[in-house]
Structure formats: structure tokens, C-alpha cells
Protein backbone atom coordinates (compact mmCIF):
# COMPACT_ATOMS: atom_id res chain seq x y z
CA MET A 1 34.44 71.37 -6.29
CA TYR A 2 34.68 69.06 -9.27
CA GLY A 3 31.12 67.87 -8.60
CA VAL A 4 29.76 71.42 -8.74
CA VAL A 5 31.62 72.13 -11.97
CA ALA A 6 30.27 68.92 -13.49
CA LEU A 7 26.73 69.86 -12.45
CA LEU A 8 27.06 73.31 -13.99
CA GLU A 9 28.55 71.90 -17.17
CA GLY A 10 25.76 69.31 -17.30
CA THR A 11 23.06 72.00 -17.17
CA ALA A 12 24.74 74.28 -19.71
CA TRP A 13 22.74 72.73 -22.54
CA ILE A 14 19.52 73.63 -20.71
CA THR A 15 20.64 77.26 -20.53
CA ASP A 16 21.50 77.22 -24.24
CA LEU A 17 18.11 75.68 -25.02
CA TRP A 18 16.35 78.28 -22.91
CA ASN A 19 18.18 81.16 -24.61
CA ALA A 20 17.42 79.73 -28.05
CA LEU A 21 13.73 79.41 -27.18
CA ARG A 22 13.58 82.97 -25.92
CA SER A 23 15.19 84.28 -29.10
CA MET A 24 12.69 82.34 -31.23
CA VAL A 25 9.38 83.12 -29.49
CA GLY A 26 10.17 85.90 -27.09
CA LYS A 27 10.64 85.97 -23.34
CA GLY A 28 6.94 85.80 -22.31
CA ALA A 29 6.04 82.97 -24.66
CA ALA A 30 9.15 81.04 -23.66
CA GLU A 31 8.13 81.18 -20.00
CA VAL A 32 4.63 79.92 -20.85
CA ILE A 33 6.04 77.03 -22.89
CA ALA A 34 8.57 76.18 -20.18
CA THR A 35 5.85 76.20 -17.51
CA ALA A 36 3.66 73.89 -19.63
CA ILE A 37 6.56 71.51 -20.19
CA LEU A 38 7.33 71.50 -16.45
CA CYS A 39 3.67 70.75 -15.59
CA ILE A 40 3.61 67.90 -18.11
CA LEU A 41 6.80 66.48 -16.60
CA ILE A 42 5.32 66.71 -13.10
CA VAL A 43 2.18 64.89 -14.24
CA ILE A 44 4.25 62.19 -15.95
CA LEU A 45 6.48 61.74 -12.90
CA LYS A 46 3.42 61.59 -10.61
CA LYS A 47 1.85 58.90 -12.79
CA ILE A 48 5.09 56.94 -12.77
CA TYR A 49 5.25 57.26 -8.97
CA ASN A 50 1.63 56.12 -8.57
CA LEU A 51 2.27 53.22 -10.93
CA ILE A 52 5.26 52.12 -8.88
CA CYS A 53 3.28 52.41 -5.64
CA SER A 54 0.39 50.44 -7.13
CA GLY A 55 2.78 47.73 -8.28
CA LEU A 56 4.41 47.49 -4.87
CA ASN A 57 1.00 47.45 -3.16
CA TYR A 58 -0.21 44.73 -5.54
CA PHE A 59 2.75 42.51 -4.80
CA ARG A 60 2.34 43.21 -1.08
CA ARG A 61 -1.27 42.03 -1.22
CA ILE A 62 -0.31 38.96 -3.23
CA GLN A 63 2.30 38.08 -0.63
CA GLN A 64 -0.19 38.74 2.17
CA ALA A 65 -2.71 36.38 0.54
CA LEU A 66 -0.06 33.71 0.04
CA ASN A 67 0.96 34.02 3.69
CA ASP A 68 -2.67 33.69 4.78
CA VAL A 69 -3.04 30.32 3.06
CA ALA A 70 0.55 29.13 3.45
CA ARG A 71 1.56 25.83 4.97
CA ASP A 72 3.67 25.62 8.10
CA LYS A 73 6.99 24.11 7.05
CA SER A 74 8.74 24.30 10.39
CA SER A 75 8.38 20.57 11.06
CA ILE A 76 9.60 17.61 9.04
CA TRP A 77 6.32 17.32 7.16
CA PRO A 78 4.54 20.52 6.04
CA GLN A 79 1.29 21.17 7.87
CA GLU A 80 -1.66 23.30 6.86
CA GLY A 81 -1.77 26.67 8.56
CA LYS A 82 -4.64 28.37 10.37
CA GLY A 83 -6.54 28.95 7.15
CA LEU A 84 -7.63 32.04 5.30
CA TRP A 85 -10.65 32.73 7.53
CA LEU A 86 -8.36 33.26 10.51
CA ALA A 87 -6.08 35.69 8.72
CA GLU A 88 -5.12 38.50 11.06
CA PRO A 89 -6.08 40.97 12.20
CA ILE A 90 -9.63 40.08 13.14
CA LYS A 91 -11.12 43.43 14.13
CA ARG A 92 -14.82 42.96 14.68
CA PRO A 93 -17.04 45.96 13.89
CA THR A 94 -18.44 47.78 16.90
CA VAL A 95 -22.04 46.69 16.35
CA LEU A 96 -22.51 44.65 19.52
CA VAL A 97 -23.07 47.72 21.66
CA LYS A 98 -26.12 49.01 23.50
CA HIS A 99 -29.07 49.72 21.23
CA ASP A 100 -32.49 51.24 21.80
CA THR A 101 -33.88 48.20 19.95
CA PRO A 102 -34.20 44.62 21.26
CA GLU A 103 -31.19 42.34 21.37
CA ALA A 104 -30.47 40.60 18.07
CA ARG A 105 -31.38 36.90 18.05
CA ILE A 106 -29.78 35.09 15.16
CA LEU A 107 -29.94 31.30 14.99
CA VAL A 108 -27.35 29.63 12.76
CA VAL A 109 -28.26 26.10 11.67
CA ALA A 110 -25.03 24.52 10.49
CA ASN A 111 -22.98 21.36 10.18
CA ALA A 112 -20.05 20.80 7.81
CA LYS A 113 -21.51 17.42 6.80
CA GLY A 114 -24.20 17.18 4.15
CA GLY A 115 -27.39 15.17 4.22
CA VAL A 116 -28.04 15.48 7.95
CA GLY A 117 -31.25 17.53 7.88
CA LYS A 118 -30.02 21.11 8.28
CA THR A 119 -32.57 22.60 5.90
CA THR A 120 -35.37 20.50 7.38
CA VAL A 121 -34.53 21.74 10.88
CA ALA A 122 -34.04 25.38 9.85
CA THR A 123 -37.29 25.69 7.90
CA ASN A 124 -39.52 23.75 10.27
CA VAL A 125 -38.22 25.39 13.45
CA ALA A 126 -38.58 28.83 11.83
CA ALA A 127 -42.16 28.03 10.77
CA CYS A 128 -43.11 26.63 14.17
CA ILE A 129 -41.81 29.70 15.99
CA ALA A 130 -43.41 32.05 13.46
CA GLU A 131 -46.82 30.62 14.37
CA ASN A 132 -46.36 31.72 17.98
CA ILE A 133 -44.69 35.10 17.71
CA ASN A 134 -45.95 38.64 17.12
CA LYS A 135 -43.18 39.91 14.86
CA PRO A 136 -41.88 38.25 11.69
CA VAL A 137 -39.26 35.53 11.66
CA LEU A 138 -36.71 35.91 8.85
CA LEU A 139 -35.31 32.76 7.22
CA ILE A 140 -32.08 33.31 5.26
CA ASP A 141 -31.04 30.62 2.77
CA LEU A 142 -27.24 30.62 2.35
CA ASP A 143 -27.02 27.31 0.46
CA PHE A 144 -26.76 27.96 -3.28
CA GLN A 145 -28.85 24.84 -4.00
CA GLY A 146 -31.83 26.86 -2.75
CA SER A 147 -33.49 23.96 -0.93
CA ALA A 148 -34.77 26.15 1.90
CA SER A 149 -35.97 28.70 -0.66
CA SER A 150 -37.96 26.23 -2.75
CA MET A 151 -39.35 24.57 0.38
CA SER A 152 -40.46 27.88 1.89
CA ILE A 153 -41.77 29.62 -1.22
CA VAL A 154 -43.94 27.17 -3.14
CA GLY A 155 -45.28 27.73 -6.60
CA GLU A 156 -43.65 27.47 -10.00
CA GLN A 157 -40.13 28.82 -9.35
CA ASN A 158 -41.48 31.84 -7.48
CA TRP A 159 -38.25 32.02 -5.49
CA LEU A 160 -35.87 32.32 -8.47
CA PRO A 161 -34.22 35.70 -9.12
CA PRO A 162 -35.73 37.72 -12.00
CA PRO A 163 -33.76 38.11 -15.26
CA GLY A 164 -30.84 40.46 -14.93
CA GLN A 165 -30.53 40.04 -11.16
CA ASP A 166 -28.75 37.73 -8.78
CA SER A 167 -30.45 36.15 -5.80
CA PRO A 168 -30.99 38.28 -2.68
CA ALA A 169 -28.61 36.03 -0.71
CA THR A 170 -25.78 37.05 -3.07
CA TYR A 171 -26.40 40.75 -2.47
CA LEU A 172 -26.74 40.06 1.23
CA ILE A 173 -23.28 38.51 1.76
CA SER A 174 -21.68 40.88 -0.75
CA GLY A 175 -22.43 43.84 1.47
CA ASP A 176 -24.64 45.43 -1.23
CA TYR A 177 -27.70 45.79 1.00
CA SER A 178 -28.28 48.55 3.48
CA GLU A 179 -30.33 47.79 6.57
CA MET A 180 -33.40 49.25 4.85
CA ASP A 181 -32.98 46.99 1.79
CA VAL A 182 -33.63 43.76 3.69
CA ALA A 183 -37.38 44.36 3.87
CA SER A 184 -37.46 45.19 0.15
CA TRP A 185 -35.90 41.88 -0.89
CA GLN A 186 -37.57 39.50 1.52
CA GLN A 187 -40.41 37.29 0.28
CA HIS A 188 -43.39 35.87 2.12
CA ALA A 189 -43.20 32.17 2.85
CA THR A 190 -46.05 30.28 1.22
CA VAL A 191 -47.66 26.83 1.39
CA LYS A 192 -50.05 24.90 -0.83
CA ARG A 193 -53.28 23.81 0.79
CA ASN A 194 -56.17 22.34 -1.21
CA ASP A 195 -54.40 23.33 -4.43
CA GLN A 196 -54.33 26.94 -3.27
CA ILE A 197 -51.18 28.87 -2.37
CA ALA A 198 -51.44 30.68 0.95
CA ILE A 199 -49.10 33.12 2.66
CA VAL A 200 -47.52 32.01 5.93
CA ASN A 201 -48.05 34.65 8.58
CA ASN A 202 -44.92 36.07 10.22
CA LEU A 203 -42.41 34.11 8.12
CA LYS A 204 -40.27 35.97 5.58
CA VAL A 205 -37.53 34.47 3.40
CA ILE A 206 -34.31 35.70 1.77
CA PRO A 207 -33.86 33.13 -1.05
CA SER A 208 -30.67 31.99 -2.77
CA TYR A 209 -29.74 30.45 -6.11
CA TYR A 210 -26.66 29.10 -7.90
CA ASP A 211 -25.19 32.58 -8.41
CA LEU A 212 -24.41 32.46 -4.68
CA ALA A 213 -21.66 29.87 -5.33
CA GLN A 214 -19.81 32.27 -7.64
CA ALA A 215 -20.39 35.14 -5.22
CA GLU A 216 -18.77 33.23 -2.36
CA ASP A 217 -15.64 32.58 -4.43
CA ARG A 218 -15.54 36.20 -5.60
CA ILE A 219 -15.90 37.66 -2.11
CA MET A 220 -13.20 35.37 -0.75
CA ILE A 221 -10.72 36.40 -3.46
CA GLU A 222 -11.64 40.08 -3.18
CA TRP A 223 -11.10 39.94 0.55
CA LEU A 224 -7.74 38.17 0.24
CA LEU A 225 -6.41 40.72 -2.26
CA SER A 226 -8.08 43.87 -0.91
CA ASP A 227 -6.72 46.51 1.43
CA ARG A 228 -9.03 44.91 4.07
CA LYS A 229 -10.34 48.21 5.33
CA ARG A 230 -13.74 46.49 5.20
CA ASP A 231 -13.60 42.91 6.42
CA ALA A 232 -15.80 40.64 4.29
CA ARG A 233 -16.21 38.23 7.18
CA PHE A 234 -18.47 40.72 8.94
CA HIS A 235 -20.76 41.96 6.14
CA LEU A 236 -23.68 39.96 7.50
CA MET A 237 -23.00 40.85 11.11
CA GLN A 238 -23.08 44.58 10.45
CA LEU A 239 -26.35 44.26 8.57
CA LEU A 240 -28.27 41.88 10.85
CA HIS A 241 -27.29 43.70 14.05
CA SER A 242 -28.42 47.07 12.68
CA ASP A 243 -31.30 48.87 14.39
CA ALA A 244 -33.72 48.56 11.47
CA VAL A 245 -33.30 44.78 11.23
CA ARG A 246 -33.47 44.33 15.01
CA ARG A 247 -36.77 46.23 15.09
CA ALA A 248 -38.26 44.21 12.24
CA TYR A 249 -37.62 40.61 13.36
CA SER A 250 -37.88 38.72 16.61
CA LEU A 251 -35.74 35.91 15.22
CA ILE A 252 -33.47 35.38 12.23
CA VAL A 253 -32.74 31.78 11.18
CA ILE A 254 -29.82 31.12 8.81
CA ASP A 255 -29.66 27.85 6.87
CA CYS A 256 -26.00 27.17 6.06
CA PRO A 257 -24.49 24.87 3.40
CA PRO A 258 -22.50 21.76 4.39
CA ARG A 259 -19.20 23.58 3.90
CA LEU A 260 -17.21 26.37 5.54
CA THR A 261 -18.04 28.78 2.74
CA THR A 262 -17.90 32.57 2.79
CA GLY A 263 -21.59 32.59 3.68
CA THR A 264 -21.14 30.11 6.54
CA ILE A 265 -18.29 32.17 7.98
CA GLN A 266 -20.39 35.32 7.77
CA ALA A 267 -23.30 33.51 9.43
CA LEU A 268 -21.15 32.27 12.32
CA ALA A 269 -19.68 35.75 12.78
CA ALA A 270 -23.18 37.27 12.84
CA GLY A 271 -24.95 34.56 14.82
CA THR A 272 -25.87 34.66 18.46
CA HIS A 273 -26.80 30.95 18.73
CA LEU A 274 -25.84 27.75 16.94
CA LEU A 275 -27.96 24.63 16.37
CA ILE A 276 -26.22 21.57 14.89
CA PRO A 277 -28.46 18.95 13.24
CA THR A 278 -27.09 15.46 12.68
CA ILE A 279 -28.09 11.89 12.00
CA LEU A 280 -26.73 9.41 14.49
CA ASP A 281 -24.58 7.11 12.35
CA GLY A 282 -20.84 6.83 13.00
CA PRO A 283 -19.47 9.21 10.32
CA SER A 284 -22.06 11.85 11.20
CA ARG A 285 -21.26 11.67 14.93
CA GLU A 286 -17.59 12.13 14.10
CA ALA A 287 -18.41 15.06 11.80
CA VAL A 288 -20.32 16.82 14.59
CA VAL A 289 -17.33 16.67 16.92
CA THR A 290 -14.98 17.87 14.17
CA PHE A 291 -17.30 20.76 13.31
CA ILE A 292 -17.59 21.88 16.94
CA ARG A 293 -13.82 21.79 17.32
CA GLN A 294 -13.51 24.07 14.29
CA VAL A 295 -16.15 26.45 15.63
CA GLU A 296 -14.19 26.63 18.89
CA VAL A 297 -11.09 27.64 16.93
CA PHE A 298 -13.13 30.44 15.37
CA ARG A 299 -14.49 31.49 18.77
CA LYS A 300 -11.05 31.68 20.36
CA SER A 301 -9.75 33.68 17.39
CA ASN A 302 -12.46 36.33 17.90
CA LEU A 303 -14.29 35.49 14.68
CA CYS A 304 -17.49 34.47 16.49
CA PRO A 305 -16.89 34.86 20.26
CA ASN A 306 -20.52 35.74 21.03
CA ILE A 307 -22.17 32.65 19.60
CA GLN A 308 -23.82 30.29 22.07
CA TYR A 309 -24.72 26.66 21.49
CA ILE A 310 -28.35 25.54 21.50
CA GLY A 311 -27.17 21.95 21.17
CA VAL A 312 -27.00 19.02 18.74
CA ALA A 313 -30.35 17.99 17.23
CA ALA A 314 -30.87 14.39 16.11
CA THR A 315 -32.68 14.01 12.78
CA MET A 316 -34.02 11.21 10.57
CA THR A 317 -34.11 8.77 13.46
CA ASP A 318 -35.81 5.38 13.17
CA ARG A 319 -38.45 4.88 15.85
CA ARG A 320 -37.96 1.11 15.64
CA ALA A 321 -34.21 1.22 16.17
CA ASN A 322 -32.44 1.05 19.51
CA LEU A 323 -30.22 4.13 19.47
CA GLN A 324 -28.85 3.87 22.99
CA ARG A 325 -25.34 2.97 21.83
CA GLU A 326 -25.21 5.77 19.24
CA VAL A 327 -26.59 8.32 21.69
CA ALA A 328 -24.18 7.27 24.44
CA ASP A 329 -21.22 7.45 22.07
CA LEU A 330 -22.14 10.92 20.83
CA ARG A 331 -22.69 12.24 24.34
CA TYR A 332 -19.34 10.78 25.37
CA ARG A 333 -17.54 12.39 22.43
CA LEU A 334 -19.19 15.73 23.06
CA ASN A 335 -18.04 15.70 26.70
CA LEU A 336 -14.55 14.40 25.97
CA SER A 337 -11.77 17.00 26.20
CA GLN A 338 -10.45 18.50 23.00
CA GLU A 339 -6.97 17.25 23.88
CA SER A 340 -8.39 13.70 23.75
CA GLY A 341 -10.21 14.28 20.45
CA GLY A 342 -13.61 15.35 21.81
CA ALA A 343 -15.68 18.52 21.66
CA GLY A 344 -14.66 19.72 25.12
CA GLY A 345 -18.10 19.74 26.74
CA VAL A 346 -19.18 23.03 25.15
CA THR A 347 -22.55 21.60 24.12
CA THR A 348 -24.64 18.44 24.33
CA LEU A 349 -27.17 16.32 22.48
CA LEU A 350 -30.70 17.65 22.94
CA PRO A 351 -33.30 15.42 24.68
CA GLU A 352 -34.95 12.49 22.94
CA SER A 353 -38.23 14.42 22.78
CA THR A 354 -36.63 16.62 20.10
CA TYR A 355 -35.45 13.75 17.85
CA ILE A 356 -37.03 14.23 14.42
CA LEU A 357 -38.21 10.86 13.15
CA ASP A 358 -37.74 9.66 9.60
CA SER A 359 -41.16 9.63 7.96
CA ALA A 360 -42.20 9.16 4.33
CA GLN A 361 -45.24 11.36 4.91
CA PHE A 362 -43.00 14.05 6.36
CA ARG A 363 -40.76 13.99 3.30
CA HIS A 364 -43.73 14.01 0.96
CA ALA A 365 -45.30 16.98 2.73
CA ALA A 366 -42.25 19.10 1.90
CA GLY A 367 -43.42 19.20 -1.72
CA SER A 368 -46.29 21.47 -0.67
CA GLY A 369 -44.21 23.74 1.51
CA ILE A 370 -42.62 23.51 4.92
CA ALA A 371 -43.72 20.12 6.26
CA TYR A 372 -44.68 21.36 9.72
CA LEU A 373 -47.25 23.72 8.20
CA VAL A 374 -48.94 21.26 5.84
CA MET A 375 -48.81 17.82 7.42
CA GLY A 376 -51.54 16.56 9.67
CA ASP A 377 -51.43 14.90 13.06
CA GLY A 378 -51.67 11.31 11.91
CA ARG A 379 -49.93 8.29 13.35
CA ASP A 380 -46.80 8.82 11.26
CA THR A 381 -46.68 12.62 11.15
CA GLY A 382 -47.94 13.45 14.64
CA PRO A 383 -44.76 12.37 16.46
CA VAL A 384 -42.66 14.26 13.92
CA LYS A 385 -44.69 17.41 14.43
CA THR A 386 -44.42 17.06 18.20
CA ALA A 387 -40.64 16.69 17.96
CA ILE A 388 -40.42 19.87 15.88
CA GLN A 389 -42.49 21.69 18.48
CA ASN A 390 -40.21 20.42 21.25
CA LEU A 391 -37.12 21.46 19.31
CA ALA A 392 -38.62 24.89 18.63
CA GLN A 393 -39.42 25.20 22.33
CA ALA A 394 -35.79 24.43 23.20
CA VAL A 395 -34.68 27.16 20.80
CA TRP A 396 -37.33 29.53 22.18
CA THR A 397 -36.21 28.97 25.77
CA GLU A 398 -32.46 29.14 25.11
CA MET A 399 -32.73 32.30 22.99
CA ARG A 400 -35.18 33.94 25.43
CA LEU A 401 -37.74 34.66 22.73
């Protein structure tokens, strides 16, 4: 009772204000003014509500991002968590379904260690296969240093992005391209022969440049703080498994940087096969095992469950050295269970016939384009060329090209 009286007394001033307004401007005008004031109040209250919701959503996303990268403090010493790339939920797009076009074949050439010949393997295998295939091979450079780009597209900086644009690789992993855009932004691979630049048949390139480094940081932060309705980890997968891309290319080869960057994660999520180049020294053998163990974590977490291993490819080997001990140790570590610190037997070292020898002539040939396409069959380069052909054949067979 007292509450009702208090409410009525509290609204008495509104009634007095309403009566005063009516006496000043008339009944009709007063209703118009009152309606306008009410609409303004509704708009203001709606904006305040939206602002509060936006603030709450912002803090929710901040907390979500912090949880994704948080350490596990349940034990005595804090331990690093699963990592931001395994943030849940991992809901892969429904692109791996039946198509009228051929099955996508996407070879990822990756290793988390630098200086082991990834770009050499990616470019030369792609060029070798392109010579023997009817449809184009697409080489995607996802290392911002652009080594695969400059090696595949010779000439005075012909692979650099034009003023006012970023490199095609940046637009590719950003999700800016549609499936029809890929053909528009690809470039023909070229080589220099007899001081003349010639186009390489059936080999196309998506080049990268240093803007890709900034793009990878940006995409990672955007993904961490976004509503995640579109998962940045699968931008490349959705594009490369589309019908238009599947029709256009028999094989896509992705050259990855020596880091688990945004681009590398997208490549692993998109890839159907994985080739791991390495030199055979102790730190590099250890890095191969560590990398495979990480890939297996990604596979079991549904980030890249469809990827299959081609194998581990030995590079920069010395023909004069006895590598039996190094080879035996790597094979042992690859077969050793993960519980004992090994790779769990998921892949193996490819045969000796695929070992790419270290050759000064081979390195020098890269200045004129992809070495396989420009070097001859001399005493030093012939064995290297044969090894590339054998490695390409192993890829060809395993990927059913």
C-alpha cells in the first residue's frame, strides 16, 4: 500500500509537467513533443544497452584469449598449455566432401627448423613434377622472406608486389581471395637460359613478401579476439579444396617457413600430404622428431586429421661422408614410441636414392631459377638431378598423381 502511494507521489511531478506543457502548446502539440522525447529516450537507452553488451562481449573475448594462451598452474611448476592453435572448439569446415572435381592434392613442405632445405625441396620437386603433368602445378610461398618466390620467378624483382598492394600470399591466408581470384594472382614461373627469361610450362607461383609477417600476426590476434564464427585456421583449406581450384591444378605445393606461424598452421590444416626435409646432423634429427610429435598433436586435435606423411627427405648430404650412423639414429628415433621420446613410427626416412647432395653447382644454378630446370647433367649436378627426380617420383606415387 505504502509502495503504491510512494509510486504515485513520485510520478506526480510528471503529471504536473504534462499539464503545464499542454497549457503552453496545446494538447496535440504536447503529444507530439512527448512522443519525440520518448523516442529519444528509447534510442539513448538502446545505445546504452548496446554499449554495455559490447563491453561485456569485449571482456569475454579478452578472457577467452587469455585462457587460450594460459599456463597450466595445477602442478608445482607452471607448465605451458596446449597453445593458441589448439583453442577449442575446432570445427572444420565441411569442404572434404564428395566433389564432381578430382580429389585435392596438396603437398606441405615443412619443418620447424631453418636451414634444412625446405625451399630447395619444394621448388625443385614442384618443377620436376610440372614437367611431367598435363595440368599446372601451383607453388605457394608462405615464407615472408620470399626465397621460393625469387627462385621461381627470375628477373629484376618481378615477384615483388606492386605499389599499394600486399603480396598475394598475404591476401591468400587472410581469406580475401575467392576461389576464382587464385588464377588472377598467380604468376608464371620463369628461368634464365642463355641470358633470356623463359616461362616454365605448367608451373604457377603465388609469391610472398615481408608484408606476410605482419599479416600473420594480425590474423592471429584477430582470430583470438573475434567471435570465431569464421575460423582463421581454415582460410586456406576452404579455398584450396574449392571446386575451381581443384579443377585448375593437379598438385599444390606449399613452402612453409621454419616456424609454426599462422601460414604454417593454415597449410597443415589444408594439406593432404606432408614432406619433411632435413639435414642429417644431430640437432636437425632431433628437430624432425620434435616437429612430427607436434604435428601428431595437431592431428589428434582435429586440426589436420587428413594429412598423410610422404616421409623425411635428406638434404645437403656429403657424398664422401659415411652417414650410416646418422641414418640409423634417425630411423631409430622415428620408429621409437612417443612415450619414449620418438616419433611413434608414423613416418620414415625416404630411401638413399632421394638424398639431395650438397653441390656448389647446384647452389649456383639457383641464381638463374629453380636449379632442376637450369642445371645440366654433369658429374656434380647429375646425381643431384637424379635425386630430385627420385624424390619427385616418391611424391608422385604416394599422392597418386
